[in-house]
Amino acid sequence: MHINNNHYRTFTASSEFFQGFKVDINITEIETLDDIIKIFVKELKKVLEMNNFEMLLDKFKYGNSWHIHTHTLEEILTSDRNDILYICNHC
Protein backbone atom coordinates (compact mmCIF):
# COMPACT_ATOMS: atom_id res chain seq x y z
CA MET A 1 0.00 0.00 0.00
CA HIS A 2 1.39 3.38 -1.03
CA ILE A 3 1.18 6.15 1.56
CA ASN A 4 0.67 9.63 0.13
CA ASN A 5 2.67 11.96 2.38
CA ASN A 6 0.83 14.93 0.88
CA HIS A 7 -2.19 13.93 2.94
CA TYR A 8 -0.28 14.30 6.20
CA ARG A 9 0.31 17.44 8.25
CA THR A 10 2.64 17.71 11.20
CA PHE A 11 1.10 19.15 14.33
CA THR A 12 3.48 20.42 17.00
CA ALA A 13 2.75 21.06 20.67
CA SER A 14 2.95 24.63 21.88
CA SER A 15 3.04 23.83 25.57
CA GLU A 16 5.00 24.47 28.74
CA PHE A 17 5.69 20.76 29.32
CA PHE A 18 5.22 19.17 25.89
CA GLN A 19 6.84 21.78 23.66
CA GLY A 20 8.05 20.27 20.40
CA PHE A 21 6.09 17.00 20.57
CA LYS A 22 4.96 16.26 17.00
CA VAL A 23 2.34 14.06 15.41
CA ASP A 24 1.75 13.49 11.69
CA ILE A 25 -1.98 13.32 11.01
CA ASN A 26 -3.69 12.23 7.80
CA ILE A 27 -5.98 15.14 6.98
CA THR A 28 -8.20 12.98 4.78
CA GLU A 29 -9.37 11.24 7.98
CA ILE A 30 -10.52 14.33 9.87
CA GLU A 31 -13.66 16.44 9.72
CA THR A 32 -13.16 18.97 12.51
CA LEU A 33 -10.42 20.69 14.49
CA ASP A 34 -11.56 18.56 17.41
CA ASP A 35 -10.72 15.41 15.42
CA ILE A 36 -7.14 16.67 15.06
CA ILE A 37 -6.89 17.45 18.76
CA LYS A 38 -8.25 14.03 19.75
CA ILE A 39 -5.67 12.22 17.58
CA PHE A 40 -2.84 14.45 18.85
CA VAL A 41 -3.76 14.03 22.53
CA LYS A 42 -4.21 10.26 22.14
CA GLU A 43 -0.72 9.95 20.61
CA LEU A 44 0.85 12.14 23.29
CA LYS A 45 -0.75 10.09 26.06
CA LYS A 46 0.38 6.84 24.41
CA VAL A 47 4.01 8.03 24.22
CA LEU A 48 3.97 9.19 27.84
CA GLU A 49 2.51 5.87 29.02
CA MET A 50 4.86 3.74 26.89
CA ASN A 51 7.86 5.51 28.35
CA ASN A 52 6.59 5.66 31.94
CA PHE A 53 6.80 9.43 32.13
CA GLU A 54 4.78 9.52 35.36
CA MET A 55 5.37 13.19 36.23
CA LEU A 56 4.52 14.27 32.69
CA LEU A 57 1.41 12.08 32.76
CA ASP A 58 0.27 14.01 35.84
CA LYS A 59 0.84 17.29 34.00
CA PHE A 60 -0.99 15.85 31.00
CA LYS A 61 -4.01 14.80 33.06
CA TYR A 62 -4.46 18.12 34.84
CA GLY A 63 -3.59 20.69 32.21
CA ASN A 64 -5.32 19.43 29.18
CA SER A 65 -7.25 22.17 27.36
CA TRP A 66 -5.69 21.66 23.93
CA HIS A 67 -6.83 23.86 21.04
CA ILE A 68 -5.85 25.21 17.63
CA HIS A 69 -6.15 28.95 17.31
CA THR A 70 -3.65 29.73 14.53
CA HIS A 71 -5.50 28.00 11.66
CA THR A 72 -9.03 27.20 10.64
CA LEU A 73 -9.92 23.72 9.43
CA GLU A 74 -10.03 25.02 5.85
CA GLU A 75 -6.56 26.53 6.21
CA ILE A 76 -5.22 23.22 7.51
CA LEU A 77 -6.83 21.23 4.71
CA THR A 78 -5.34 23.54 2.08
CA SER A 79 -1.99 24.03 3.80
CA ASP A 80 1.35 22.90 2.47
CA ARG A 81 2.90 19.69 3.80
CA ASN A 82 5.75 21.72 5.34
CA ASP A 83 3.62 24.37 7.09
CA ILE A 84 4.02 24.59 10.85
CA LEU A 85 0.74 23.81 12.61
CA TYR A 86 0.55 24.24 16.38
CA ILE A 87 -1.70 22.69 18.98
CA CYS A 88 -1.62 24.78 22.12
CA ASN A 89 -2.51 24.18 25.78
CA HIS A 90 -1.06 27.19 27.55
CA CYS A 91 -3.34 30.11 26.66
PDB file of N, CA and C in Angstrom:
ATOM      1  N   MET A   1       0.844  -1.184   0.000  1.00  0.00           N
ATOM      2  CA  MET A   1       0.000   0.000   0.000  1.00  0.00           C
ATOM      3  C   MET A   1       0.886   1.243   0.000  1.00  0.00           C
ATOM      4  N   HIS A   2       0.611   2.157  -0.889  1.00  0.00           N
ATOM      5  CA  HIS A   2       1.389   3.382  -1.025  1.00  0.00           C
ATOM      6  C   HIS A   2       0.782   4.471  -0.132  1.00  0.00           C
ATOM      7  N   ILE A   3       1.635   5.077   0.686  1.00  0.00           N
ATOM      8  CA  ILE A   3       1.179   6.154   1.561  1.00  0.00           C
ATOM      9  C   ILE A   3       1.501   7.484   0.885  1.00  0.00           C
ATOM     10  N   ASN A   4       0.491   8.314   0.737  1.00  0.00           N
ATOM     11  CA  ASN A   4       0.668   9.629   0.134  1.00  0.00           C
ATOM     12  C   ASN A   4       0.986  10.630   1.238  1.00  0.00           C
ATOM     13  N   ASN A   5       2.247  11.026   1.336  1.00  0.00           N
ATOM     14  CA  ASN A   5       2.667  11.964   2.379  1.00  0.00           C
ATOM     15  C   ASN A   5       2.016  13.333   2.239  1.00  0.00           C
ATOM     16  N   ASN A   6       1.497  13.641   1.060  1.00  0.00           N
ATOM     17  CA  ASN A   6       0.830  14.930   0.885  1.00  0.00           C
ATOM     18  C   ASN A   6      -0.453  15.041   1.685  1.00  0.00           C
ATOM     19  N   HIS A   7      -0.967  13.924   2.147  1.00  0.00           N
ATOM     20  CA  HIS A   7      -2.190  13.928   2.943  1.00  0.00           C
ATOM     21  C   HIS A   7      -1.918  14.118   4.426  1.00  0.00           C
ATOM     22  N   TYR A   8      -0.648  14.172   4.793  1.00  0.00           N
ATOM     23  CA  TYR A   8      -0.278  14.301   6.199  1.00  0.00           C
ATOM     24  C   TYR A   8       0.176  15.717   6.517  1.00  0.00           C
ATOM     25  N   ARG A   9      -0.186  16.169   7.721  1.00  0.00           N
ATOM     26  CA  ARG A   9       0.309  17.439   8.245  1.00  0.00           C
ATOM     27  C   ARG A   9       0.921  17.142   9.603  1.00  0.00           C
ATOM     28  N   THR A  10       1.982  17.877   9.915  1.00  0.00           N
ATOM     29  CA  THR A  10       2.642  17.711  11.198  1.00  0.00           C
ATOM     30  C   THR A  10       2.121  18.758  12.164  1.00  0.00           C
ATOM     31  N   PHE A  11       1.604  18.281  13.280  1.00  0.00           N
ATOM     32  CA  PHE A  11       1.097  19.147  14.333  1.00  0.00           C
ATOM     33  C   PHE A  11       2.081  19.102  15.491  1.00  0.00           C
ATOM     34  N   THR A  12       2.460  20.278  15.980  1.00  0.00           N
ATOM     35  CA  THR A  12       3.478  20.420  17.004  1.00  0.00           C
ATOM     36  C   THR A  12       2.875  21.049  18.249  1.00  0.00           C
ATOM     37  N   ALA A  13       3.250  20.517  19.413  1.00  0.00           N
ATOM     38  CA  ALA A  13       2.752  21.064  20.675  1.00  0.00           C
ATOM     39  C   ALA A  13       3.375  22.420  20.957  1.00  0.00           C
ATOM     40  N   SER A  14       2.532  23.357  21.310  1.00  0.00           N
ATOM     41  CA  SER A  14       2.954  24.625  21.878  1.00  0.00           C
ATOM     42  C   SER A  14       2.488  24.566  23.326  1.00  0.00           C
ATOM     43  N   SER A  15       3.423  24.206  24.215  1.00  0.00           N
ATOM     44  CA  SER A  15       3.038  23.830  25.567  1.00  0.00           C
ATOM     45  C   SER A  15       4.217  23.976  26.515  1.00  0.00           C
ATOM     46  N   GLU A  16       3.940  24.327  27.748  1.00  0.00           N
ATOM     47  CA  GLU A  16       5.003  24.466  28.741  1.00  0.00           C
ATOM     48  C   GLU A  16       5.766  23.162  28.945  1.00  0.00           C
ATOM     49  N   PHE A  17       5.056  22.044  29.010  1.00  0.00           N
ATOM     50  CA  PHE A  17       5.686  20.760  29.322  1.00  0.00           C
ATOM     51  C   PHE A  17       5.913  19.863  28.113  1.00  0.00           C
ATOM     52  N   PHE A  18       5.158  20.078  27.039  1.00  0.00           N
ATOM     53  CA  PHE A  18       5.220  19.170  25.894  1.00  0.00           C
ATOM     54  C   PHE A  18       5.706  19.847  24.622  1.00  0.00           C
ATOM     55  N   GLN A  19       6.331  21.009  24.782  1.00  0.00           N
ATOM     56  CA  GLN A  19       6.838  21.785  23.657  1.00  0.00           C
ATOM     57  C   GLN A  19       7.645  20.919  22.692  1.00  0.00           C
ATOM     58  N   GLY A  20       7.291  20.982  21.420  1.00  0.00           N
ATOM     59  CA  GLY A  20       8.050  20.273  20.403  1.00  0.00           C
ATOM     60  C   GLY A  20       7.546  18.879  20.074  1.00  0.00           C
ATOM     61  N   PHE A  21       6.650  18.318  20.894  1.00  0.00           N
ATOM     62  CA  PHE A  21       6.092  17.003  20.570  1.00  0.00           C
ATOM     63  C   PHE A  21       5.333  17.120  19.254  1.00  0.00           C
ATOM     64  N   LYS A  22       5.559  16.177  18.338  1.00  0.00           N
ATOM     65  CA  LYS A  22       4.961  16.264  17.004  1.00  0.00           C
ATOM     66  C   LYS A  22       4.207  14.991  16.649  1.00  0.00           C
ATOM     67  N   VAL A  23       3.122  15.180  15.918  1.00  0.00           N
ATOM     68  CA  VAL A  23       2.336  14.060  15.411  1.00  0.00           C
ATOM     69  C   VAL A  23       1.969  14.361  13.963  1.00  0.00           C
ATOM     70  N   ASP A  24       2.213  13.394  13.075  1.00  0.00           N
ATOM     71  CA  ASP A  24       1.749  13.488  11.694  1.00  0.00           C
ATOM     72  C   ASP A  24       0.343  12.927  11.624  1.00  0.00           C
ATOM     73  N   ILE A  25      -0.575  13.712  11.078  1.00  0.00           N
ATOM     74  CA  ILE A  25      -1.981  13.323  11.008  1.00  0.00           C
ATOM     75  C   ILE A  25      -2.442  13.370   9.554  1.00  0.00           C
ATOM     76  N   ASN A  26      -3.128  12.312   9.139  1.00  0.00           N
ATOM     77  CA  ASN A  26      -3.693  12.232   7.800  1.00  0.00           C
ATOM     78  C   ASN A  26      -4.936  13.111   7.748  1.00  0.00           C
ATOM     79  N   ILE A  27      -4.875  14.189   7.000  1.00  0.00           N
ATOM     80  CA  ILE A  27      -5.984  15.139   6.981  1.00  0.00           C
ATOM     81  C   ILE A  27      -7.195  14.645   6.187  1.00  0.00           C
ATOM     82  N   THR A  28      -7.035  13.540   5.475  1.00  0.00           N
ATOM     83  CA  THR A  28      -8.205  12.982   4.782  1.00  0.00           C
ATOM     84  C   THR A  28      -9.089  12.209   5.756  1.00  0.00           C
ATOM     85  N   GLU A  29      -8.617  12.004   6.980  1.00  0.00           N
ATOM     86  CA  GLU A  29      -9.368  11.239   7.984  1.00  0.00           C
ATOM     87  C   GLU A  29      -9.979  12.124   9.070  1.00  0.00           C
ATOM     88  N   ILE A  30      -9.965  13.428   8.862  1.00  0.00           N
ATOM     89  CA  ILE A  30     -10.519  14.335   9.873  1.00  0.00           C
ATOM     90  C   ILE A  30     -11.649  15.162   9.269  1.00  0.00           C
ATOM     91  N   GLU A  31     -12.552  15.590  10.159  1.00  0.00           N
ATOM     92  CA  GLU A  31     -13.660  16.436   9.717  1.00  0.00           C
ATOM     93  C   GLU A  31     -13.745  17.740  10.492  1.00  0.00           C
ATOM     94  N   THR A  32     -13.098  17.784  11.665  1.00  0.00           N
ATOM     95  CA  THR A  32     -13.158  18.966  12.511  1.00  0.00           C
ATOM     96  C   THR A  32     -11.799  19.215  13.163  1.00  0.00           C
ATOM     97  N   LEU A  33     -11.627  20.403  13.704  1.00  0.00           N
ATOM     98  CA  LEU A  33     -10.419  20.685  14.485  1.00  0.00           C
ATOM     99  C   LEU A  33     -10.354  19.763  15.699  1.00  0.00           C
ATOM    100  N   ASP A  34     -11.505  19.455  16.258  1.00  0.00           N
ATOM    101  CA  ASP A  34     -11.559  18.565  17.415  1.00  0.00           C
ATOM    102  C   ASP A  34     -11.029  17.166  17.072  1.00  0.00           C
ATOM    103  N   ASP A  35     -11.270  16.702  15.855  1.00  0.00           N
ATOM    104  CA  ASP A  35     -10.722  15.409  15.419  1.00  0.00           C
ATOM    105  C   ASP A  35      -9.197  15.429  15.484  1.00  0.00           C
ATOM    106  N   ILE A  36      -8.602  16.524  15.036  1.00  0.00           N
ATOM    107  CA  ILE A  36      -7.141  16.665  15.063  1.00  0.00           C
ATOM    108  C   ILE A  36      -6.643  16.630  16.499  1.00  0.00           C
ATOM    109  N   ILE A  37      -7.294  17.384  17.355  1.00  0.00           N
ATOM    110  CA  ILE A  37      -6.886  17.455  18.760  1.00  0.00           C
ATOM    111  C   ILE A  37      -6.994  16.088  19.426  1.00  0.00           C
ATOM    112  N   LYS A  38      -8.072  15.361  19.153  1.00  0.00           N
ATOM    113  CA  LYS A  38      -8.252  14.025  19.749  1.00  0.00           C
ATOM    114  C   LYS A  38      -7.122  13.075  19.339  1.00  0.00           C
ATOM    115  N   ILE A  39      -6.757  13.088  18.065  1.00  0.00           N
ATOM    116  CA  ILE A  39      -5.670  12.221  17.582  1.00  0.00           C
ATOM    117  C   ILE A  39      -4.353  12.633  18.240  1.00  0.00           C
ATOM    118  N   PHE A  40      -4.080  13.925  18.279  1.00  0.00           N
ATOM    119  CA  PHE A  40      -2.842  14.446  18.853  1.00  0.00           C
ATOM    120  C   PHE A  40      -2.722  14.062  20.332  1.00  0.00           C
ATOM    121  N   VAL A  41      -3.772  14.307  21.087  1.00  0.00           N
ATOM    122  CA  VAL A  41      -3.764  14.031  22.526  1.00  0.00           C
ATOM    123  C   VAL A  41      -3.637  12.526  22.790  1.00  0.00           C
ATOM    124  N   LYS A  42      -4.307  11.718  21.994  1.00  0.00           N
ATOM    125  CA  LYS A  42      -4.213  10.260  22.142  1.00  0.00           C
ATOM    126  C   LYS A  42      -2.771   9.795  21.922  1.00  0.00           C
ATOM    127  N   GLU A  43      -2.104  10.329  20.899  1.00  0.00           N
ATOM    128  CA  GLU A  43      -0.720   9.953  20.614  1.00  0.00           C
ATOM    129  C   GLU A  43       0.225  10.420  21.716  1.00  0.00           C
ATOM    130  N   LEU A  44       0.020  11.628  22.207  1.00  0.00           N
ATOM    131  CA  LEU A  44       0.852  12.137  23.290  1.00  0.00           C
ATOM    132  C   LEU A  44       0.711  11.252  24.530  1.00  0.00           C
ATOM    133  N   LYS A  45      -0.506  10.937  24.889  1.00  0.00           N
ATOM    134  CA  LYS A  45      -0.748  10.092  26.063  1.00  0.00           C
ATOM    135  C   LYS A  45      -0.094   8.720  25.877  1.00  0.00           C
ATOM    136  N   LYS A  46      -0.206   8.154  24.685  1.00  0.00           N
ATOM    137  CA  LYS A  46       0.378   6.842  24.409  1.00  0.00           C
ATOM    138  C   LYS A  46       1.896   6.868  24.598  1.00  0.00           C
ATOM    139  N   VAL A  47       2.556   7.908  24.085  1.00  0.00           N
ATOM    140  CA  VAL A  47       4.011   8.026  24.221  1.00  0.00           C
ATOM    141  C   VAL A  47       4.403   8.188  25.688  1.00  0.00           C
ATOM    142  N   LEU A  48       3.670   8.993  26.421  1.00  0.00           N
ATOM    143  CA  LEU A  48       3.971   9.192  27.843  1.00  0.00           C
ATOM    144  C   LEU A  48       3.814   7.890  28.625  1.00  0.00           C
ATOM    145  N   GLU A  49       2.752   7.153  28.332  1.00  0.00           N
ATOM    146  CA  GLU A  49       2.515   5.874  29.024  1.00  0.00           C
ATOM    147  C   GLU A  49       3.554   4.825  28.644  1.00  0.00           C
ATOM    148  N   MET A  50       3.880   4.730  27.354  1.00  0.00           N
ATOM    149  CA  MET A  50       4.858   3.736  26.889  1.00  0.00           C
ATOM    150  C   MET A  50       6.224   3.944  27.535  1.00  0.00           C
ATOM    151  N   ASN A  51       6.556   5.181  27.817  1.00  0.00           N
ATOM    152  CA  ASN A  51       7.864   5.506  28.354  1.00  0.00           C
ATOM    153  C   ASN A  51       7.857   5.778  29.860  1.00  0.00           C
ATOM    154  N   ASN A  52       6.732   5.505  30.487  1.00  0.00           N
ATOM    155  CA  ASN A  52       6.590   5.655  31.944  1.00  0.00           C
ATOM    156  C   ASN A  52       6.971   7.049  32.444  1.00  0.00           C
ATOM    157  N   PHE A  53       6.559   8.061  31.710  1.00  0.00           N
ATOM    158  CA  PHE A  53       6.805   9.434  32.134  1.00  0.00           C
ATOM    159  C   PHE A  53       5.714   9.843  33.130  1.00  0.00           C
ATOM    160  N   GLU A  54       5.832   9.361  34.358  1.00  0.00           N
ATOM    161  CA  GLU A  54       4.782   9.524  35.361  1.00  0.00           C
ATOM    162  C   GLU A  54       4.500  10.982  35.705  1.00  0.00           C
ATOM    163  N   MET A  55       5.566  11.772  35.888  1.00  0.00           N
ATOM    164  CA  MET A  55       5.374  13.188  36.232  1.00  0.00           C
ATOM    165  C   MET A  55       4.704  13.940  35.070  1.00  0.00           C
ATOM    166  N   LEU A  56       5.129  13.624  33.846  1.00  0.00           N
ATOM    167  CA  LEU A  56       4.515  14.273  32.692  1.00  0.00           C
ATOM    168  C   LEU A  56       3.081  13.810  32.494  1.00  0.00           C
ATOM    169  N   LEU A  57       2.799  12.553  32.826  1.00  0.00           N
ATOM    170  CA  LEU A  57       1.410  12.077  32.756  1.00  0.00           C
ATOM    171  C   LEU A  57       0.521  12.856  33.717  1.00  0.00           C
ATOM    172  N   ASP A  58       1.036  13.176  34.902  1.00  0.00           N
ATOM    173  CA  ASP A  58       0.274  14.008  35.839  1.00  0.00           C
ATOM    174  C   ASP A  58       0.006  15.382  35.251  1.00  0.00           C
ATOM    175  N   LYS A  59       1.025  15.977  34.643  1.00  0.00           N
ATOM    176  CA  LYS A  59       0.842  17.290  33.997  1.00  0.00           C
ATOM    177  C   LYS A  59      -0.153  17.189  32.848  1.00  0.00           C
ATOM    178  N   PHE A  60      -0.077  16.087  32.114  1.00  0.00           N
ATOM    179  CA  PHE A  60      -0.988  15.845  30.996  1.00  0.00           C
ATOM    180  C   PHE A  60      -2.434  15.753  31.478  1.00  0.00           C
ATOM    181  N   LYS A  61      -2.656  15.033  32.557  1.00  0.00           N
ATOM    182  CA  LYS A  61      -4.015  14.804  33.059  1.00  0.00           C
ATOM    183  C   LYS A  61      -4.674  16.068  33.589  1.00  0.00           C
ATOM    184  N   TYR A  62      -3.874  16.972  34.154  1.00  0.00           N
ATOM    185  CA  TYR A  62      -4.461  18.120  34.842  1.00  0.00           C
ATOM    186  C   TYR A  62      -4.230  19.452  34.155  1.00  0.00           C
ATOM    187  N   GLY A  63      -3.779  19.437  32.934  1.00  0.00           N
ATOM    188  CA  GLY A  63      -3.589  20.691  32.212  1.00  0.00           C
ATOM    189  C   GLY A  63      -3.885  20.486  30.747  1.00  0.00           C
ATOM    190  N   ASN A  64      -5.073  20.003  30.481  1.00  0.00           N
ATOM    191  CA  ASN A  64      -5.319  19.435  29.175  1.00  0.00           C
ATOM    192  C   ASN A  64      -6.424  20.148  28.396  1.00  0.00           C
ATOM    193  N   SER A  65      -6.270  21.444  28.181  1.00  0.00           N
ATOM    194  CA  SER A  65      -7.245  22.167  27.361  1.00  0.00           C
ATOM    195  C   SER A  65      -6.606  22.524  26.026  1.00  0.00           C
ATOM    196  N   TRP A  66      -6.366  21.500  25.220  1.00  0.00           N
ATOM    197  CA  TRP A  66      -5.689  21.665  23.926  1.00  0.00           C
ATOM    198  C   TRP A  66      -6.608  22.332  22.916  1.00  0.00           C
ATOM    199  N   HIS A  67      -6.042  23.173  22.063  1.00  0.00           N
ATOM    200  CA  HIS A  67      -6.830  23.860  21.037  1.00  0.00           C
ATOM    201  C   HIS A  67      -5.914  24.327  19.903  1.00  0.00           C
ATOM    202  N   ILE A  68      -6.547  24.651  18.797  1.00  0.00           N
ATOM    203  CA  ILE A  68      -5.853  25.209  17.634  1.00  0.00           C
ATOM    204  C   ILE A  68      -6.444  26.590  17.404  1.00  0.00           C
ATOM    205  N   HIS A  69      -5.617  27.613  17.525  1.00  0.00           N
ATOM    206  CA  HIS A  69      -6.145  28.955  17.307  1.00  0.00           C
ATOM    207  C   HIS A  69      -5.398  29.713  16.219  1.00  0.00           C
ATOM    208  N   THR A  70      -4.426  29.052  15.580  1.00  0.00           N
ATOM    209  CA  THR A  70      -3.653  29.726  14.534  1.00  0.00           C
ATOM    210  C   THR A  70      -4.190  29.445  13.135  1.00  0.00           C
ATOM    211  N   HIS A  71      -4.990  28.385  12.981  1.00  0.00           N
ATOM    212  CA  HIS A  71      -5.495  28.001  11.661  1.00  0.00           C
ATOM    213  C   HIS A  71      -6.938  27.506  11.773  1.00  0.00           C
ATOM    214  N   THR A  72      -7.705  27.790  10.753  1.00  0.00           N
ATOM    215  CA  THR A  72      -9.032  27.203  10.642  1.00  0.00           C
ATOM    216  C   THR A  72      -8.893  25.813  10.026  1.00  0.00           C
ATOM    217  N   LEU A  73      -9.944  25.032  10.064  1.00  0.00           N
ATOM    218  CA  LEU A  73      -9.922  23.719   9.430  1.00  0.00           C
ATOM    219  C   LEU A  73      -9.624  23.858   7.932  1.00  0.00           C
ATOM    220  N   GLU A  74     -10.255  24.815   7.284  1.00  0.00           N
ATOM    221  CA  GLU A  74     -10.030  25.019   5.848  1.00  0.00           C
ATOM    222  C   GLU A  74      -8.560  25.351   5.562  1.00  0.00           C
ATOM    223  N   GLU A  75      -7.964  26.183   6.392  1.00  0.00           N
ATOM    224  CA  GLU A  75      -6.558  26.532   6.205  1.00  0.00           C
ATOM    225  C   GLU A  75      -5.650  25.308   6.378  1.00  0.00           C
ATOM    226  N   ILE A  76      -5.997  24.450   7.309  1.00  0.00           N
ATOM    227  CA  ILE A  76      -5.221  23.221   7.512  1.00  0.00           C
ATOM    228  C   ILE A  76      -5.367  22.301   6.311  1.00  0.00           C
ATOM    229  N   LEU A  77      -6.581  22.134   5.836  1.00  0.00           N
ATOM    230  CA  LEU A  77      -6.834  21.230   4.707  1.00  0.00           C
ATOM    231  C   LEU A  77      -6.160  21.710   3.425  1.00  0.00           C
ATOM    232  N   THR A  78      -5.968  23.005   3.290  1.00  0.00           N
ATOM    233  CA  THR A  78      -5.341  23.540   2.081  1.00  0.00           C
ATOM    234  C   THR A  78      -3.881  23.948   2.310  1.00  0.00           C
ATOM    235  N   SER A  79      -3.361  23.650   3.474  1.00  0.00           N
ATOM    236  CA  SER A  79      -1.987  24.029   3.803  1.00  0.00           C
ATOM    237  C   SER A  79      -0.979  23.166   3.052  1.00  0.00           C
ATOM    238  N   ASP A  80       0.239  23.629   3.065  1.00  0.00           N
ATOM    239  CA  ASP A  80       1.353  22.898   2.468  1.00  0.00           C
ATOM    240  C   ASP A  80       1.854  21.856   3.460  1.00  0.00           C
ATOM    241  N   ARG A  81       2.382  20.775   2.955  1.00  0.00           N
ATOM    242  CA  ARG A  81       2.899  19.689   3.802  1.00  0.00           C
ATOM    243  C   ARG A  81       3.922  20.193   4.813  1.00  0.00           C
ATOM    244  N   ASN A  82       4.673  21.222   4.477  1.00  0.00           N
ATOM    245  CA  ASN A  82       5.748  21.718   5.340  1.00  0.00           C
ATOM    246  C   ASN A  82       5.340  22.872   6.251  1.00  0.00           C
ATOM    247  N   ASP A  83       4.077  23.290   6.205  1.00  0.00           N
ATOM    248  CA  ASP A  83       3.623  24.367   7.086  1.00  0.00           C
ATOM    249  C   ASP A  83       3.698  23.919   8.542  1.00  0.00           C
ATOM    250  N   ILE A  84       3.971  24.877   9.423  1.00  0.00           N
ATOM    251  CA  ILE A  84       4.021  24.586  10.854  1.00  0.00           C
ATOM    252  C   ILE A  84       2.627  24.819  11.436  1.00  0.00           C
ATOM    253  N   LEU A  85       2.083  23.763  12.036  1.00  0.00           N
ATOM    254  CA  LEU A  85       0.742  23.814  12.613  1.00  0.00           C
ATOM    255  C   LEU A  85       0.859  23.486  14.101  1.00  0.00           C
ATOM    256  N   TYR A  86       0.396  24.415  14.947  1.00  0.00           N
ATOM    257  CA  TYR A  86       0.547  24.236  16.379  1.00  0.00           C
ATOM    258  C   TYR A  86      -0.763  23.852  17.054  1.00  0.00           C
ATOM    259  N   ILE A  87      -0.612  22.998  18.058  1.00  0.00           N
ATOM    260  CA  ILE A  87      -1.704  22.687  18.977  1.00  0.00           C
ATOM    261  C   ILE A  87      -1.236  23.181  20.339  1.00  0.00           C
ATOM    262  N   CYS A  88      -2.032  24.026  20.948  1.00  0.00           N
ATOM    263  CA  CYS A  88      -1.617  24.781  22.124  1.00  0.00           C
ATOM    264  C   CYS A  88      -2.408  24.338  23.360  1.00  0.00           C
ATOM    265  N   ASN A  89      -1.758  24.403  24.537  1.00  0.00           N
ATOM    266  CA  ASN A  89      -2.507  24.182  25.780  1.00  0.00           C
ATOM    267  C   ASN A  89      -2.075  25.129  26.881  1.00  0.00           C
ATOM    268  N   HIS A  90      -1.540  26.292  26.512  1.00  0.00           N
ATOM    269  CA  HIS A  90      -1.065  27.189  27.546  1.00  0.00           C
ATOM    270  C   HIS A  90      -1.652  28.597  27.461  1.00  0.00           C
ATOM    271  N   CYS A  91      -2.723  28.774  26.753  1.00  0.00           N
ATOM    272  CA  CYS A  91      -3.341  30.107  26.657  1.00  0.00           C
ATOM    273  C   CYS A  91      -4.262  30.350  27.827  1.00  0.00           C
TER     274      CYS A  91
END
